Amino acid sequence: MEFLRTTGLFALTALAEIIGCYLPWLVLTQGRPHWLLLPAAAALAVFAWLLTWHPSAAGRTYAAYGGVYVVVALVWLWRVDGVMPTRWDLIGGAVCLVGMAIIALQPRPALG
């Protein structure tokens, strides 16, 4: 259950980061309105705040988060950009999730 909670939290965190980066990209590359930078900044603030919800050390959290970020970015590629991920994208995403699981589920020393 803890793994599902952690993975879901990572997915929300990744979505906030992607939105926070995608909106400025739209402004800078497609001439979209500059007011989009305001929700982008808010999304990046939410991203940073969500990272603090993880009980693990920051470096370990960022490392495990990276695997989920890759998969969420591939879903974004498909659903928002309209580009179907290739077989290689999906294999790479699966490898990233395995890496995330190894980092997130590693044995922890007993507290005592």
PDB file of N, CA and C in Angstrom:
ATOM      1  N   MET A   1       0.832  -1.207   0.000  1.00  0.00           N
ATOM      2  CA  MET A   1       0.000   0.000   0.000  1.00  0.00           C
ATOM      3  C   MET A   1       0.870   1.262   0.000  1.00  0.00           C
ATOM      4  N   GLU A   2       1.941   1.226   0.793  1.00  0.00           N
ATOM      5  CA  GLU A   2       2.838   2.373   0.861  1.00  0.00           C
ATOM      6  C   GLU A   2       3.458   2.658  -0.509  1.00  0.00           C
ATOM      7  N   PHE A   3       3.778   1.593  -1.250  1.00  0.00           N
ATOM      8  CA  PHE A   3       4.369   1.764  -2.581  1.00  0.00           C
ATOM      9  C   PHE A   3       3.398   2.477  -3.508  1.00  0.00           C
ATOM     10  N   LEU A   4       2.119   2.115  -3.458  1.00  0.00           N
ATOM     11  CA  LEU A   4       1.119   2.771  -4.312  1.00  0.00           C
ATOM     12  C   LEU A   4       0.947   4.232  -3.933  1.00  0.00           C
ATOM     13  N   ARG A   5       0.954   4.527  -2.641  1.00  0.00           N
ATOM     14  CA  ARG A   5       0.839   5.913  -2.182  1.00  0.00           C
ATOM     15  C   ARG A   5       2.040   6.730  -2.669  1.00  0.00           C
ATOM     16  N   THR A   6       3.223   6.153  -2.525  1.00  0.00           N
ATOM     17  CA  THR A   6       4.439   6.839  -2.950  1.00  0.00           C
ATOM     18  C   THR A   6       4.435   7.067  -4.459  1.00  0.00           C
ATOM     19  N   THR A   7       4.056   6.053  -5.212  1.00  0.00           N
ATOM     20  CA  THR A   7       4.020   6.174  -6.671  1.00  0.00           C
ATOM     21  C   THR A   7       2.990   7.215  -7.104  1.00  0.00           C
ATOM     22  N   GLY A   8       1.827   7.219  -6.471  1.00  0.00           N
ATOM     23  CA  GLY A   8       0.809   8.219  -6.789  1.00  0.00           C
ATOM     24  C   GLY A   8       1.280   9.628  -6.473  1.00  0.00           C
ATOM     25  N   LEU A   9       1.959   9.775  -5.344  1.00  0.00           N
ATOM     26  CA  LEU A   9       2.490  11.085  -4.972  1.00  0.00           C
ATOM     27  C   LEU A   9       3.565  11.525  -5.966  1.00  0.00           C
ATOM     28  N   PHE A  10       4.422  10.587  -6.380  1.00  0.00           N
ATOM     29  CA  PHE A  10       5.413  10.907  -7.404  1.00  0.00           C
ATOM     30  C   PHE A  10       4.733  11.327  -8.705  1.00  0.00           C
ATOM     31  N   ALA A  11       3.656  10.655  -9.091  1.00  0.00           N
ATOM     32  CA  ALA A  11       2.946  10.992 -10.328  1.00  0.00           C
ATOM     33  C   ALA A  11       2.369  12.407 -10.255  1.00  0.00           C
ATOM     34  N   LEU A  12       1.776  12.765  -9.125  1.00  0.00           N
ATOM     35  CA  LEU A  12       1.263  14.134  -8.960  1.00  0.00           C
ATOM     36  C   LEU A  12       2.398  15.151  -9.008  1.00  0.00           C
ATOM     37  N   THR A  13       3.498  14.806  -8.371  1.00  0.00           N
ATOM     38  CA  THR A  13       4.663  15.684  -8.364  1.00  0.00           C
ATOM     39  C   THR A  13       5.181  15.894  -9.786  1.00  0.00           C
ATOM     40  N   ALA A  14       5.251  14.800 -10.548  1.00  0.00           N
ATOM     41  CA  ALA A  14       5.719  14.894 -11.935  1.00  0.00           C
ATOM     42  C   ALA A  14       4.778  15.742 -12.780  1.00  0.00           C
ATOM     43  N   LEU A  15       3.496  15.572 -12.588  1.00  0.00           N
ATOM     44  CA  LEU A  15       2.524  16.355 -13.349  1.00  0.00           C
ATOM     45  C   LEU A  15       2.697  17.847 -13.057  1.00  0.00           C
ATOM     46  N   ALA A  16       2.889  18.187 -11.781  1.00  0.00           N
ATOM     47  CA  ALA A  16       3.103  19.595 -11.428  1.00  0.00           C
ATOM     48  C   ALA A  16       4.364  20.134 -12.088  1.00  0.00           C
ATOM     49  N   GLU A  17       5.427  19.332 -12.091  1.00  0.00           N
ATOM     50  CA  GLU A  17       6.671  19.789 -12.709  1.00  0.00           C
ATOM     51  C   GLU A  17       6.516  19.955 -14.220  1.00  0.00           C
ATOM     52  N   ILE A  18       5.870  19.002 -14.857  1.00  0.00           N
ATOM     53  CA  ILE A  18       5.695  19.082 -16.301  1.00  0.00           C
ATOM     54  C   ILE A  18       4.850  20.292 -16.680  1.00  0.00           C
ATOM     55  N   ILE A  19       3.761  20.531 -15.965  1.00  0.00           N
ATOM     56  CA  ILE A  19       2.932  21.710 -16.238  1.00  0.00           C
ATOM     57  C   ILE A  19       3.747  22.977 -16.028  1.00  0.00           C
ATOM     58  N   GLY A  20       4.534  23.006 -14.955  1.00  0.00           N
ATOM     59  CA  GLY A  20       5.351  24.177 -14.657  1.00  0.00           C
ATOM     60  C   GLY A  20       6.405  24.464 -15.707  1.00  0.00           C
ATOM     61  N   CYS A  21       6.813  23.457 -16.430  1.00  0.00           N
ATOM     62  CA  CYS A  21       7.796  23.641 -17.509  1.00  0.00           C
ATOM     63  C   CYS A  21       7.147  23.777 -18.879  1.00  0.00           C
ATOM     64  N   TYR A  22       6.009  23.135 -19.065  1.00  0.00           N
ATOM     65  CA  TYR A  22       5.331  23.158 -20.364  1.00  0.00           C
ATOM     66  C   TYR A  22       4.749  24.535 -20.680  1.00  0.00           C
ATOM     67  N   LEU A  23       4.176  25.180 -19.688  1.00  0.00           N
ATOM     68  CA  LEU A  23       3.561  26.490 -19.943  1.00  0.00           C
ATOM     69  C   LEU A  23       4.586  27.530 -20.386  1.00  0.00           C
ATOM     70  N   PRO A  24       5.748  27.651 -19.726  1.00  0.00           N
ATOM     71  CA  PRO A  24       6.754  28.587 -20.248  1.00  0.00           C
ATOM     72  C   PRO A  24       7.250  28.182 -21.639  1.00  0.00           C
ATOM     73  N   TRP A  25       7.312  26.887 -21.893  1.00  0.00           N
ATOM     74  CA  TRP A  25       7.710  26.425 -23.221  1.00  0.00           C
ATOM     75  C   TRP A  25       6.724  26.940 -24.267  1.00  0.00           C
ATOM     76  N   LEU A  26       5.428  26.884 -23.947  1.00  0.00           N
ATOM     77  CA  LEU A  26       4.418  27.410 -24.870  1.00  0.00           C
ATOM     78  C   LEU A  26       4.608  28.900 -25.100  1.00  0.00           C
ATOM     79  N   VAL A  27       4.909  29.631 -24.025  1.00  0.00           N
ATOM     80  CA  VAL A  27       5.113  31.081 -24.141  1.00  0.00           C
ATOM     81  C   VAL A  27       6.331  31.375 -25.016  1.00  0.00           C
ATOM     82  N   LEU A  28       7.421  30.660 -24.771  1.00  0.00           N
ATOM     83  CA  LEU A  28       8.677  30.955 -25.452  1.00  0.00           C
ATOM     84  C   LEU A  28       8.761  30.425 -26.879  1.00  0.00           C
ATOM     85  N   THR A  29       8.102  29.318 -27.153  1.00  0.00           N
ATOM     86  CA  THR A  29       8.245  28.716 -28.490  1.00  0.00           C
ATOM     87  C   THR A  29       7.044  28.914 -29.389  1.00  0.00           C
ATOM     88  N   GLN A  30       5.871  29.170 -28.795  1.00  0.00           N
ATOM     89  CA  GLN A  30       4.665  29.278 -29.609  1.00  0.00           C
ATOM     90  C   GLN A  30       3.950  30.606 -29.446  1.00  0.00           C
ATOM     91  N   GLY A  31       4.605  31.541 -28.781  1.00  0.00           N
ATOM     92  CA  GLY A  31       4.043  32.874 -28.647  1.00  0.00           C
ATOM     93  C   GLY A  31       2.748  32.951 -27.854  1.00  0.00           C
ATOM     94  N   ARG A  32       2.538  32.022 -26.949  1.00  0.00           N
ATOM     95  CA  ARG A  32       1.324  32.050 -26.124  1.00  0.00           C
ATOM     96  C   ARG A  32       1.406  33.208 -25.130  1.00  0.00           C
ATOM     97  N   PRO A  33       0.275  33.596 -24.537  1.00  0.00           N
ATOM     98  CA  PRO A  33       0.250  34.765 -23.643  1.00  0.00           C
ATOM     99  C   PRO A  33       1.177  34.609 -22.437  1.00  0.00           C
ATOM    100  N   HIS A  34       1.779  35.716 -22.057  1.00  0.00           N
ATOM    101  CA  HIS A  34       2.716  35.712 -20.935  1.00  0.00           C
ATOM    102  C   HIS A  34       2.060  35.420 -19.592  1.00  0.00           C
ATOM    103  N   TRP A  35       0.741  35.610 -19.489  1.00  0.00           N
ATOM    104  CA  TRP A  35       0.084  35.316 -18.219  1.00  0.00           C
ATOM    105  C   TRP A  35       0.175  33.825 -17.878  1.00  0.00           C
ATOM    106  N   LEU A  36       0.484  32.979 -18.842  1.00  0.00           N
ATOM    107  CA  LEU A  36       0.652  31.546 -18.567  1.00  0.00           C
ATOM    108  C   LEU A  36       1.845  31.275 -17.647  1.00  0.00           C
ATOM    109  N   LEU A  37       2.720  32.270 -17.517  1.00  0.00           N
ATOM    110  CA  LEU A  37       3.856  32.107 -16.614  1.00  0.00           C
ATOM    111  C   LEU A  37       3.410  32.092 -15.144  1.00  0.00           C
ATOM    112  N   LEU A  38       2.274  32.693 -14.840  1.00  0.00           N
ATOM    113  CA  LEU A  38       1.773  32.691 -13.456  1.00  0.00           C
ATOM    114  C   LEU A  38       1.337  31.294 -13.009  1.00  0.00           C
ATOM    115  N   PRO A  39       0.477  30.597 -13.762  1.00  0.00           N
ATOM    116  CA  PRO A  39       0.163  29.233 -13.341  1.00  0.00           C
ATOM    117  C   PRO A  39       1.376  28.308 -13.433  1.00  0.00           C
ATOM    118  N   ALA A  40       2.317  28.618 -14.323  1.00  0.00           N
ATOM    119  CA  ALA A  40       3.542  27.821 -14.394  1.00  0.00           C
ATOM    120  C   ALA A  40       4.326  27.943 -13.096  1.00  0.00           C
ATOM    121  N   ALA A  41       4.462  29.163 -12.593  1.00  0.00           N
ATOM    122  CA  ALA A  41       5.179  29.373 -11.332  1.00  0.00           C
ATOM    123  C   ALA A  41       4.452  28.682 -10.177  1.00  0.00           C
ATOM    124  N   ALA A  42       3.134  28.754 -10.184  1.00  0.00           N
ATOM    125  CA  ALA A  42       2.359  28.078  -9.137  1.00  0.00           C
ATOM    126  C   ALA A  42       2.559  26.566  -9.210  1.00  0.00           C
ATOM    127  N   ALA A  43       2.565  26.018 -10.422  1.00  0.00           N
ATOM    128  CA  ALA A  43       2.765  24.575 -10.586  1.00  0.00           C
ATOM    129  C   ALA A  43       4.146  24.157 -10.089  1.00  0.00           C
ATOM    130  N   LEU A  44       5.166  24.970 -10.348  1.00  0.00           N
ATOM    131  CA  LEU A  44       6.504  24.629  -9.873  1.00  0.00           C
ATOM    132  C   LEU A  44       6.601  24.750  -8.350  1.00  0.00           C
ATOM    133  N   ALA A  45       5.861  25.685  -7.770  1.00  0.00           N
ATOM    134  CA  ALA A  45       5.821  25.779  -6.303  1.00  0.00           C
ATOM    135  C   ALA A  45       5.140  24.534  -5.717  1.00  0.00           C
ATOM    136  N   VAL A  46       4.064  24.091  -6.333  1.00  0.00           N
ATOM    137  CA  VAL A  46       3.386  22.858  -5.895  1.00  0.00           C
ATOM    138  C   VAL A  46       4.323  21.668  -6.041  1.00  0.00           C
ATOM    139  N   PHE A  47       5.058  21.617  -7.139  1.00  0.00           N
ATOM    140  CA  PHE A  47       6.036  20.557  -7.358  1.00  0.00           C
ATOM    141  C   PHE A  47       7.029  20.488  -6.198  1.00  0.00           C
ATOM    142  N   ALA A  48       7.628  21.607  -5.844  1.00  0.00           N
ATOM    143  CA  ALA A  48       8.608  21.626  -4.753  1.00  0.00           C
ATOM    144  C   ALA A  48       7.966  21.243  -3.426  1.00  0.00           C
ATOM    145  N   TRP A  49       6.769  21.714  -3.189  1.00  0.00           N
ATOM    146  CA  TRP A  49       6.052  21.391  -1.950  1.00  0.00           C
ATOM    147  C   TRP A  49       5.753  19.898  -1.871  1.00  0.00           C
ATOM    148  N   LEU A  50       5.308  19.302  -2.972  1.00  0.00           N
ATOM    149  CA  LEU A  50       5.000  17.871  -2.970  1.00  0.00           C
ATOM    150  C   LEU A  50       6.234  17.023  -2.694  1.00  0.00           C
ATOM    151  N   LEU A  51       7.396  17.472  -3.142  1.00  0.00           N
ATOM    152  CA  LEU A  51       8.618  16.717  -2.859  1.00  0.00           C
ATOM    153  C   LEU A  51       8.886  16.630  -1.356  1.00  0.00           C
ATOM    154  N   THR A  52       8.422  17.606  -0.596  1.00  0.00           N
ATOM    155  CA  THR A  52       8.658  17.586   0.856  1.00  0.00           C
ATOM    156  C   THR A  52       7.770  16.571   1.572  1.00  0.00           C
ATOM    157  N   TRP A  53       6.780  16.025   0.904  1.00  0.00           N
ATOM    158  CA  TRP A  53       5.882  15.045   1.524  1.00  0.00           C
ATOM    159  C   TRP A  53       6.515  13.668   1.646  1.00  0.00           C
ATOM    160  N   HIS A  54       7.639  13.448   0.990  1.00  0.00           N
ATOM    161  CA  HIS A  54       8.273  12.137   1.011  1.00  0.00           C
ATOM    162  C   HIS A  54       9.180  12.014   2.228  1.00  0.00           C
ATOM    163  N   PRO A  55       9.075  10.898   2.963  1.00  0.00           N
ATOM    164  CA  PRO A  55       9.823  10.762   4.212  1.00  0.00           C
ATOM    165  C   PRO A  55      11.301  10.450   4.020  1.00  0.00           C
ATOM    166  N   SER A  56      11.710  10.043   2.848  1.00  0.00           N
ATOM    167  CA  SER A  56      13.085   9.633   2.610  1.00  0.00           C
ATOM    168  C   SER A  56      13.992  10.854   2.454  1.00  0.00           C
ATOM    169  N   ALA A  57      15.302  10.613   2.473  1.00  0.00           N
ATOM    170  CA  ALA A  57      16.276  11.680   2.252  1.00  0.00           C
ATOM    171  C   ALA A  57      16.033  12.314   0.887  1.00  0.00           C
ATOM    172  N   ALA A  58      16.305  13.591   0.777  1.00  0.00           N
ATOM    173  CA  ALA A  58      15.990  14.334  -0.451  1.00  0.00           C
ATOM    174  C   ALA A  58      16.626  13.708  -1.684  1.00  0.00           C
ATOM    175  N   GLY A  59      17.898  13.353  -1.619  1.00  0.00           N
ATOM    176  CA  GLY A  59      18.569  12.774  -2.787  1.00  0.00           C
ATOM    177  C   GLY A  59      17.928  11.473  -3.232  1.00  0.00           C
ATOM    178  N   ARG A  60      17.560  10.632  -2.277  1.00  0.00           N
ATOM    179  CA  ARG A  60      16.902   9.357  -2.612  1.00  0.00           C
ATOM    180  C   ARG A  60      15.523   9.626  -3.199  1.00  0.00           C
ATOM    181  N   THR A  61      14.820  10.583  -2.636  1.00  0.00           N
ATOM    182  CA  THR A  61      13.502  10.943  -3.155  1.00  0.00           C
ATOM    183  C   THR A  61      13.620  11.399  -4.603  1.00  0.00           C
ATOM    184  N   TYR A  62      14.584  12.272  -4.893  1.00  0.00           N
ATOM    185  CA  TYR A  62      14.739  12.778  -6.255  1.00  0.00           C
ATOM    186  C   TYR A  62      15.106  11.653  -7.215  1.00  0.00           C
ATOM    187  N   ALA A  63      15.961  10.736  -6.768  1.00  0.00           N
ATOM    188  CA  ALA A  63      16.373   9.625  -7.626  1.00  0.00           C
ATOM    189  C   ALA A  63      15.186   8.726  -7.965  1.00  0.00           C
ATOM    190  N   ALA A  64      14.408   8.368  -6.954  1.00  0.00           N
ATOM    191  CA  ALA A  64      13.243   7.511  -7.204  1.00  0.00           C
ATOM    192  C   ALA A  64      12.189   8.256  -8.018  1.00  0.00           C
ATOM    193  N   TYR A  65      12.001   9.518  -7.709  1.00  0.00           N
ATOM    194  CA  TYR A  65      11.025  10.338  -8.429  1.00  0.00           C
ATOM    195  C   TYR A  65      11.324  10.377  -9.926  1.00  0.00           C
ATOM    196  N   GLY A  66      12.603  10.385 -10.284  1.00  0.00           N
ATOM    197  CA  GLY A  66      12.993  10.473 -11.687  1.00  0.00           C
ATOM    198  C   GLY A  66      12.389   9.373 -12.545  1.00  0.00           C
ATOM    199  N   GLY A  67      12.286   8.169 -11.993  1.00  0.00           N
ATOM    200  CA  GLY A  67      11.700   7.058 -12.751  1.00  0.00           C
ATOM    201  C   GLY A  67      10.238   7.291 -13.072  1.00  0.00           C
ATOM    202  N   VAL A  68       9.503   7.780 -12.097  1.00  0.00           N
ATOM    203  CA  VAL A  68       8.086   8.065 -12.320  1.00  0.00           C
ATOM    204  C   VAL A  68       7.931   9.250 -13.260  1.00  0.00           C
ATOM    205  N   TYR A  69       8.799  10.248 -13.127  1.00  0.00           N
ATOM    206  CA  TYR A  69       8.745  11.412 -14.007  1.00  0.00           C
ATOM    207  C   TYR A  69       8.837  10.993 -15.472  1.00  0.00           C
ATOM    208  N   VAL A  70       9.746  10.078 -15.782  1.00  0.00           N
ATOM    209  CA  VAL A  70       9.916   9.625 -17.166  1.00  0.00           C
ATOM    210  C   VAL A  70       8.613   9.039 -17.700  1.00  0.00           C
ATOM    211  N   VAL A  71       7.949   8.217 -16.902  1.00  0.00           N
ATOM    212  CA  VAL A  71       6.705   7.585 -17.356  1.00  0.00           C
ATOM    213  C   VAL A  71       5.593   8.621 -17.516  1.00  0.00           C
ATOM    214  N   VAL A  72       5.483   9.548 -16.567  1.00  0.00           N
ATOM    215  CA  VAL A  72       4.462  10.595 -16.690  1.00  0.00           C
ATOM    216  C   VAL A  72       4.749  11.461 -17.924  1.00  0.00           C
ATOM    217  N   ALA A  73       6.014  11.735 -18.207  1.00  0.00           N
ATOM    218  CA  ALA A  73       6.357  12.509 -19.406  1.00  0.00           C
ATOM    219  C   ALA A  73       5.954  11.757 -20.676  1.00  0.00           C
ATOM    220  N   LEU A  74       6.084  10.443 -20.676  1.00  0.00           N
ATOM    221  CA  LEU A  74       5.655   9.658 -21.840  1.00  0.00           C
ATOM    222  C   LEU A  74       4.138   9.684 -22.001  1.00  0.00           C
ATOM    223  N   VAL A  75       3.424   9.653 -20.888  1.00  0.00           N
ATOM    224  CA  VAL A  75       1.962   9.786 -20.960  1.00  0.00           C
ATOM    225  C   VAL A  75       1.606  11.170 -21.485  1.00  0.00           C
ATOM    226  N   TRP A  76       2.317  12.200 -21.037  1.00  0.00           N
ATOM    227  CA  TRP A  76       2.103  13.566 -21.531  1.00  0.00           C
ATOM    228  C   TRP A  76       2.353  13.626 -23.038  1.00  0.00           C
ATOM    229  N   LEU A  77       3.447  13.007 -23.473  1.00  0.00           N
ATOM    230  CA  LEU A  77       3.762  12.952 -24.899  1.00  0.00           C
ATOM    231  C   LEU A  77       2.583  12.420 -25.698  1.00  0.00           C
ATOM    232  N   TRP A  78       1.971  11.375 -25.179  1.00  0.00           N
ATOM    233  CA  TRP A  78       0.857  10.717 -25.861  1.00  0.00           C
ATOM    234  C   TRP A  78      -0.429  11.532 -25.767  1.00  0.00           C
ATOM    235  N   ARG A  79      -0.827  11.926 -24.547  1.00  0.00           N
ATOM    236  CA  ARG A  79      -2.138  12.539 -24.343  1.00  0.00           C
ATOM    237  C   ARG A  79      -2.172  14.027 -24.677  1.00  0.00           C
ATOM    238  N   VAL A  80      -1.098  14.763 -24.429  1.00  0.00           N
ATOM    239  CA  VAL A  80      -1.099  16.215 -24.662  1.00  0.00           C
ATOM    240  C   VAL A  80      -0.466  16.560 -26.011  1.00  0.00           C
ATOM    241  N   ASP A  81       0.701  15.990 -26.277  1.00  0.00           N
ATOM    242  CA  ASP A  81       1.381  16.288 -27.546  1.00  0.00           C
ATOM    243  C   ASP A  81       0.828  15.482 -28.709  1.00  0.00           C
ATOM    244  N   GLY A  82       0.044  14.444 -28.427  1.00  0.00           N
ATOM    245  CA  GLY A  82      -0.559  13.644 -29.477  1.00  0.00           C
ATOM    246  C   GLY A  82       0.413  12.739 -30.217  1.00  0.00           C
ATOM    247  N   VAL A  83       1.524  12.394 -29.569  1.00  0.00           N
ATOM    248  CA  VAL A  83       2.536  11.528 -30.184  1.00  0.00           C
ATOM    249  C   VAL A  83       2.506  10.189 -29.464  1.00  0.00           C
ATOM    250  N   MET A  84       2.256   9.135 -30.206  1.00  0.00           N
ATOM    251  CA  MET A  84       2.204   7.802 -29.618  1.00  0.00           C
ATOM    252  C   MET A  84       3.613   7.356 -29.227  1.00  0.00           C
ATOM    253  N   PRO A  85       3.836   6.986 -27.949  1.00  0.00           N
ATOM    254  CA  PRO A  85       5.152   6.475 -27.557  1.00  0.00           C
ATOM    255  C   PRO A  85       5.496   5.203 -28.344  1.00  0.00           C
ATOM    256  N   THR A  86       6.760   5.062 -28.656  1.00  0.00           N
ATOM    257  CA  THR A  86       7.218   3.880 -29.377  1.00  0.00           C
ATOM    258  C   THR A  86       7.414   2.718 -28.411  1.00  0.00           C
ATOM    259  N   ARG A  87       7.652   1.579 -28.959  1.00  0.00           N
ATOM    260  CA  ARG A  87       7.957   0.398 -28.146  1.00  0.00           C
ATOM    261  C   ARG A  87       9.179   0.678 -27.269  1.00  0.00           C
ATOM    262  N   TRP A  88      10.158   1.404 -27.821  1.00  0.00           N
ATOM    263  CA  TRP A  88      11.376   1.722 -27.088  1.00  0.00           C
ATOM    264  C   TRP A  88      11.101   2.712 -25.958  1.00  0.00           C
ATOM    265  N   ASP A  89      10.199   3.654 -26.181  1.00  0.00           N
ATOM    266  CA  ASP A  89       9.784   4.556 -25.108  1.00  0.00           C
ATOM    267  C   ASP A  89       9.194   3.752 -23.958  1.00  0.00           C
ATOM    268  N   LEU A  90       8.327   2.805 -24.291  1.00  0.00           N
ATOM    269  CA  LEU A  90       7.649   2.013 -23.265  1.00  0.00           C
ATOM    270  C   LEU A  90       8.626   1.108 -22.522  1.00  0.00           C
ATOM    271  N   ILE A  91       9.563   0.523 -23.239  1.00  0.00           N
ATOM    272  CA  ILE A  91      10.578  -0.309 -22.574  1.00  0.00           C
ATOM    273  C   ILE A  91      11.434   0.556 -21.650  1.00  0.00           C
ATOM    274  N   GLY A  92      11.853   1.707 -22.144  1.00  0.00           N
ATOM    275  CA  GLY A  92      12.637   2.625 -21.308  1.00  0.00           C
ATOM    276  C   GLY A  92      11.871   3.070 -20.074  1.00  0.00           C
ATOM    277  N   GLY A  93      10.582   3.368 -20.235  1.00  0.00           N
ATOM    278  CA  GLY A  93       9.756   3.752 -19.097  1.00  0.00           C
ATOM    279  C   GLY A  93       9.648   2.627 -18.079  1.00  0.00           C
ATOM    280  N   ALA A  94       9.511   1.401 -18.562  1.00  0.00           N
ATOM    281  CA  ALA A  94       9.437   0.250 -17.651  1.00  0.00           C
ATOM    282  C   ALA A  94      10.743   0.091 -16.885  1.00  0.00           C
ATOM    283  N   VAL A  95      11.860   0.257 -17.560  1.00  0.00           N
ATOM    284  CA  VAL A  95      13.160   0.170 -16.890  1.00  0.00           C
ATOM    285  C   VAL A  95      13.266   1.249 -15.807  1.00  0.00           C
ATOM    286  N   CYS A  96      12.797   2.446 -16.118  1.00  0.00           N
ATOM    287  CA  CYS A  96      12.822   3.538 -15.137  1.00  0.00           C
ATOM    288  C   CYS A  96      11.974   3.200 -13.913  1.00  0.00           C
ATOM    289  N   LEU A  97      10.798   2.605 -14.144  1.00  0.00           N
ATOM    290  CA  LEU A  97       9.940   2.222 -13.012  1.00  0.00           C
ATOM    291  C   LEU A  97      10.578   1.135 -12.165  1.00  0.00           C
ATOM    292  N   VAL A  98      11.261   0.204 -12.796  1.00  0.00           N
ATOM    293  CA  VAL A  98      11.966  -0.822 -12.026  1.00  0.00           C
ATOM    294  C   VAL A  98      13.048  -0.160 -11.169  1.00  0.00           C
ATOM    295  N   GLY A  99      13.788   0.767 -11.746  1.00  0.00           N
ATOM    296  CA  GLY A  99      14.795   1.499 -10.974  1.00  0.00           C
ATOM    297  C   GLY A  99      14.181   2.258  -9.818  1.00  0.00           C
ATOM    298  N   MET A 100      13.053   2.904 -10.057  1.00  0.00           N
ATOM    299  CA  MET A 100      12.366   3.623  -8.985  1.00  0.00           C
ATOM    300  C   MET A 100      11.962   2.684  -7.877  1.00  0.00           C
ATOM    301  N   ALA A 101      11.423   1.508  -8.244  1.00  0.00           N
ATOM    302  CA  ALA A 101      10.983   0.543  -7.241  1.00  0.00           C
ATOM    303  C   ALA A 101      12.161   0.037  -6.413  1.00  0.00           C
ATOM    304  N   ILE A 102      13.294  -0.219  -7.059  1.00  0.00           N
ATOM    305  CA  ILE A 102      14.481  -0.675  -6.321  1.00  0.00           C
ATOM    306  C   ILE A 102      14.904   0.366  -5.297  1.00  0.00           C
ATOM    307  N   ILE A 103      14.932   1.622  -5.702  1.00  0.00           N
ATOM    308  CA  ILE A 103      15.332   2.699  -4.789  1.00  0.00           C
ATOM    309  C   ILE A 103      14.296   2.887  -3.688  1.00  0.00           C
ATOM    310  N   ALA A 104      13.025   2.956  -4.058  1.00  0.00           N
ATOM    311  CA  ALA A 104      11.965   3.273  -3.090  1.00  0.00           C
ATOM    312  C   ALA A 104      11.693   2.125  -2.125  1.00  0.00           C
ATOM    313  N   LEU A 105      11.884   0.885  -2.557  1.00  0.00           N
ATOM    314  CA  LEU A 105      11.512  -0.264  -1.724  1.00  0.00           C
ATOM    315  C   LEU A 105      12.704  -0.954  -1.075  1.00  0.00           C
ATOM    316  N   GLN A 106      13.857  -0.344  -1.123  1.00  0.00           N
ATOM    317  CA  GLN A 106      15.039  -0.976  -0.526  1.00  0.00           C
ATOM    318  C   GLN A 106      14.823  -1.223   0.962  1.00  0.00           C
ATOM    319  N   PRO A 107      15.457  -2.282   1.481  1.00  0.00           N
ATOM    320  CA  PRO A 107      15.315  -2.557   2.916  1.00  0.00           C
ATOM    321  C   PRO A 107      15.849  -1.397   3.742  1.00  0.00           C
ATOM    322  N   ARG A 108      15.163  -1.081   4.789  1.00  0.00           N
ATOM    323  CA  ARG A 108      15.567  -0.001   5.688  1.00  0.00           C
ATOM    324  C   ARG A 108      16.015  -0.631   7.018  1.00  0.00           C
ATOM    325  N   PRO A 109      17.053  -0.070   7.643  1.00  0.00           N
ATOM    326  CA  PRO A 109      17.460  -0.602   8.940  1.00  0.00           C
ATOM    327  C   PRO A 109      16.362  -0.389   9.975  1.00  0.00           C
ATOM    328  N   ALA A 110      16.239  -1.346  10.878  1.00  0.00           N
ATOM    329  CA  ALA A 110      15.221  -1.234  11.937  1.00  0.00           C
ATOM    330  C   ALA A 110      15.563  -0.059  12.849  1.00  0.00           C
ATOM    331  N   LEU A 111      14.532   0.673  13.215  1.00  0.00           N
ATOM    332  CA  LEU A 111      14.705   1.785  14.155  1.00  0.00           C
ATOM    333  C   LEU A 111      14.767   1.221  15.572  1.00  0.00           C
ATOM    334  N   GLY A 112      15.645   1.708  16.350  1.00  0.00           N
ATOM    335  CA  GLY A 112      15.668   1.170  17.705  1.00  0.00           C
ATOM    336  C   GLY A 112      16.677   1.710  18.574  1.00  0.00           C
TER     337      GLY A 112
END
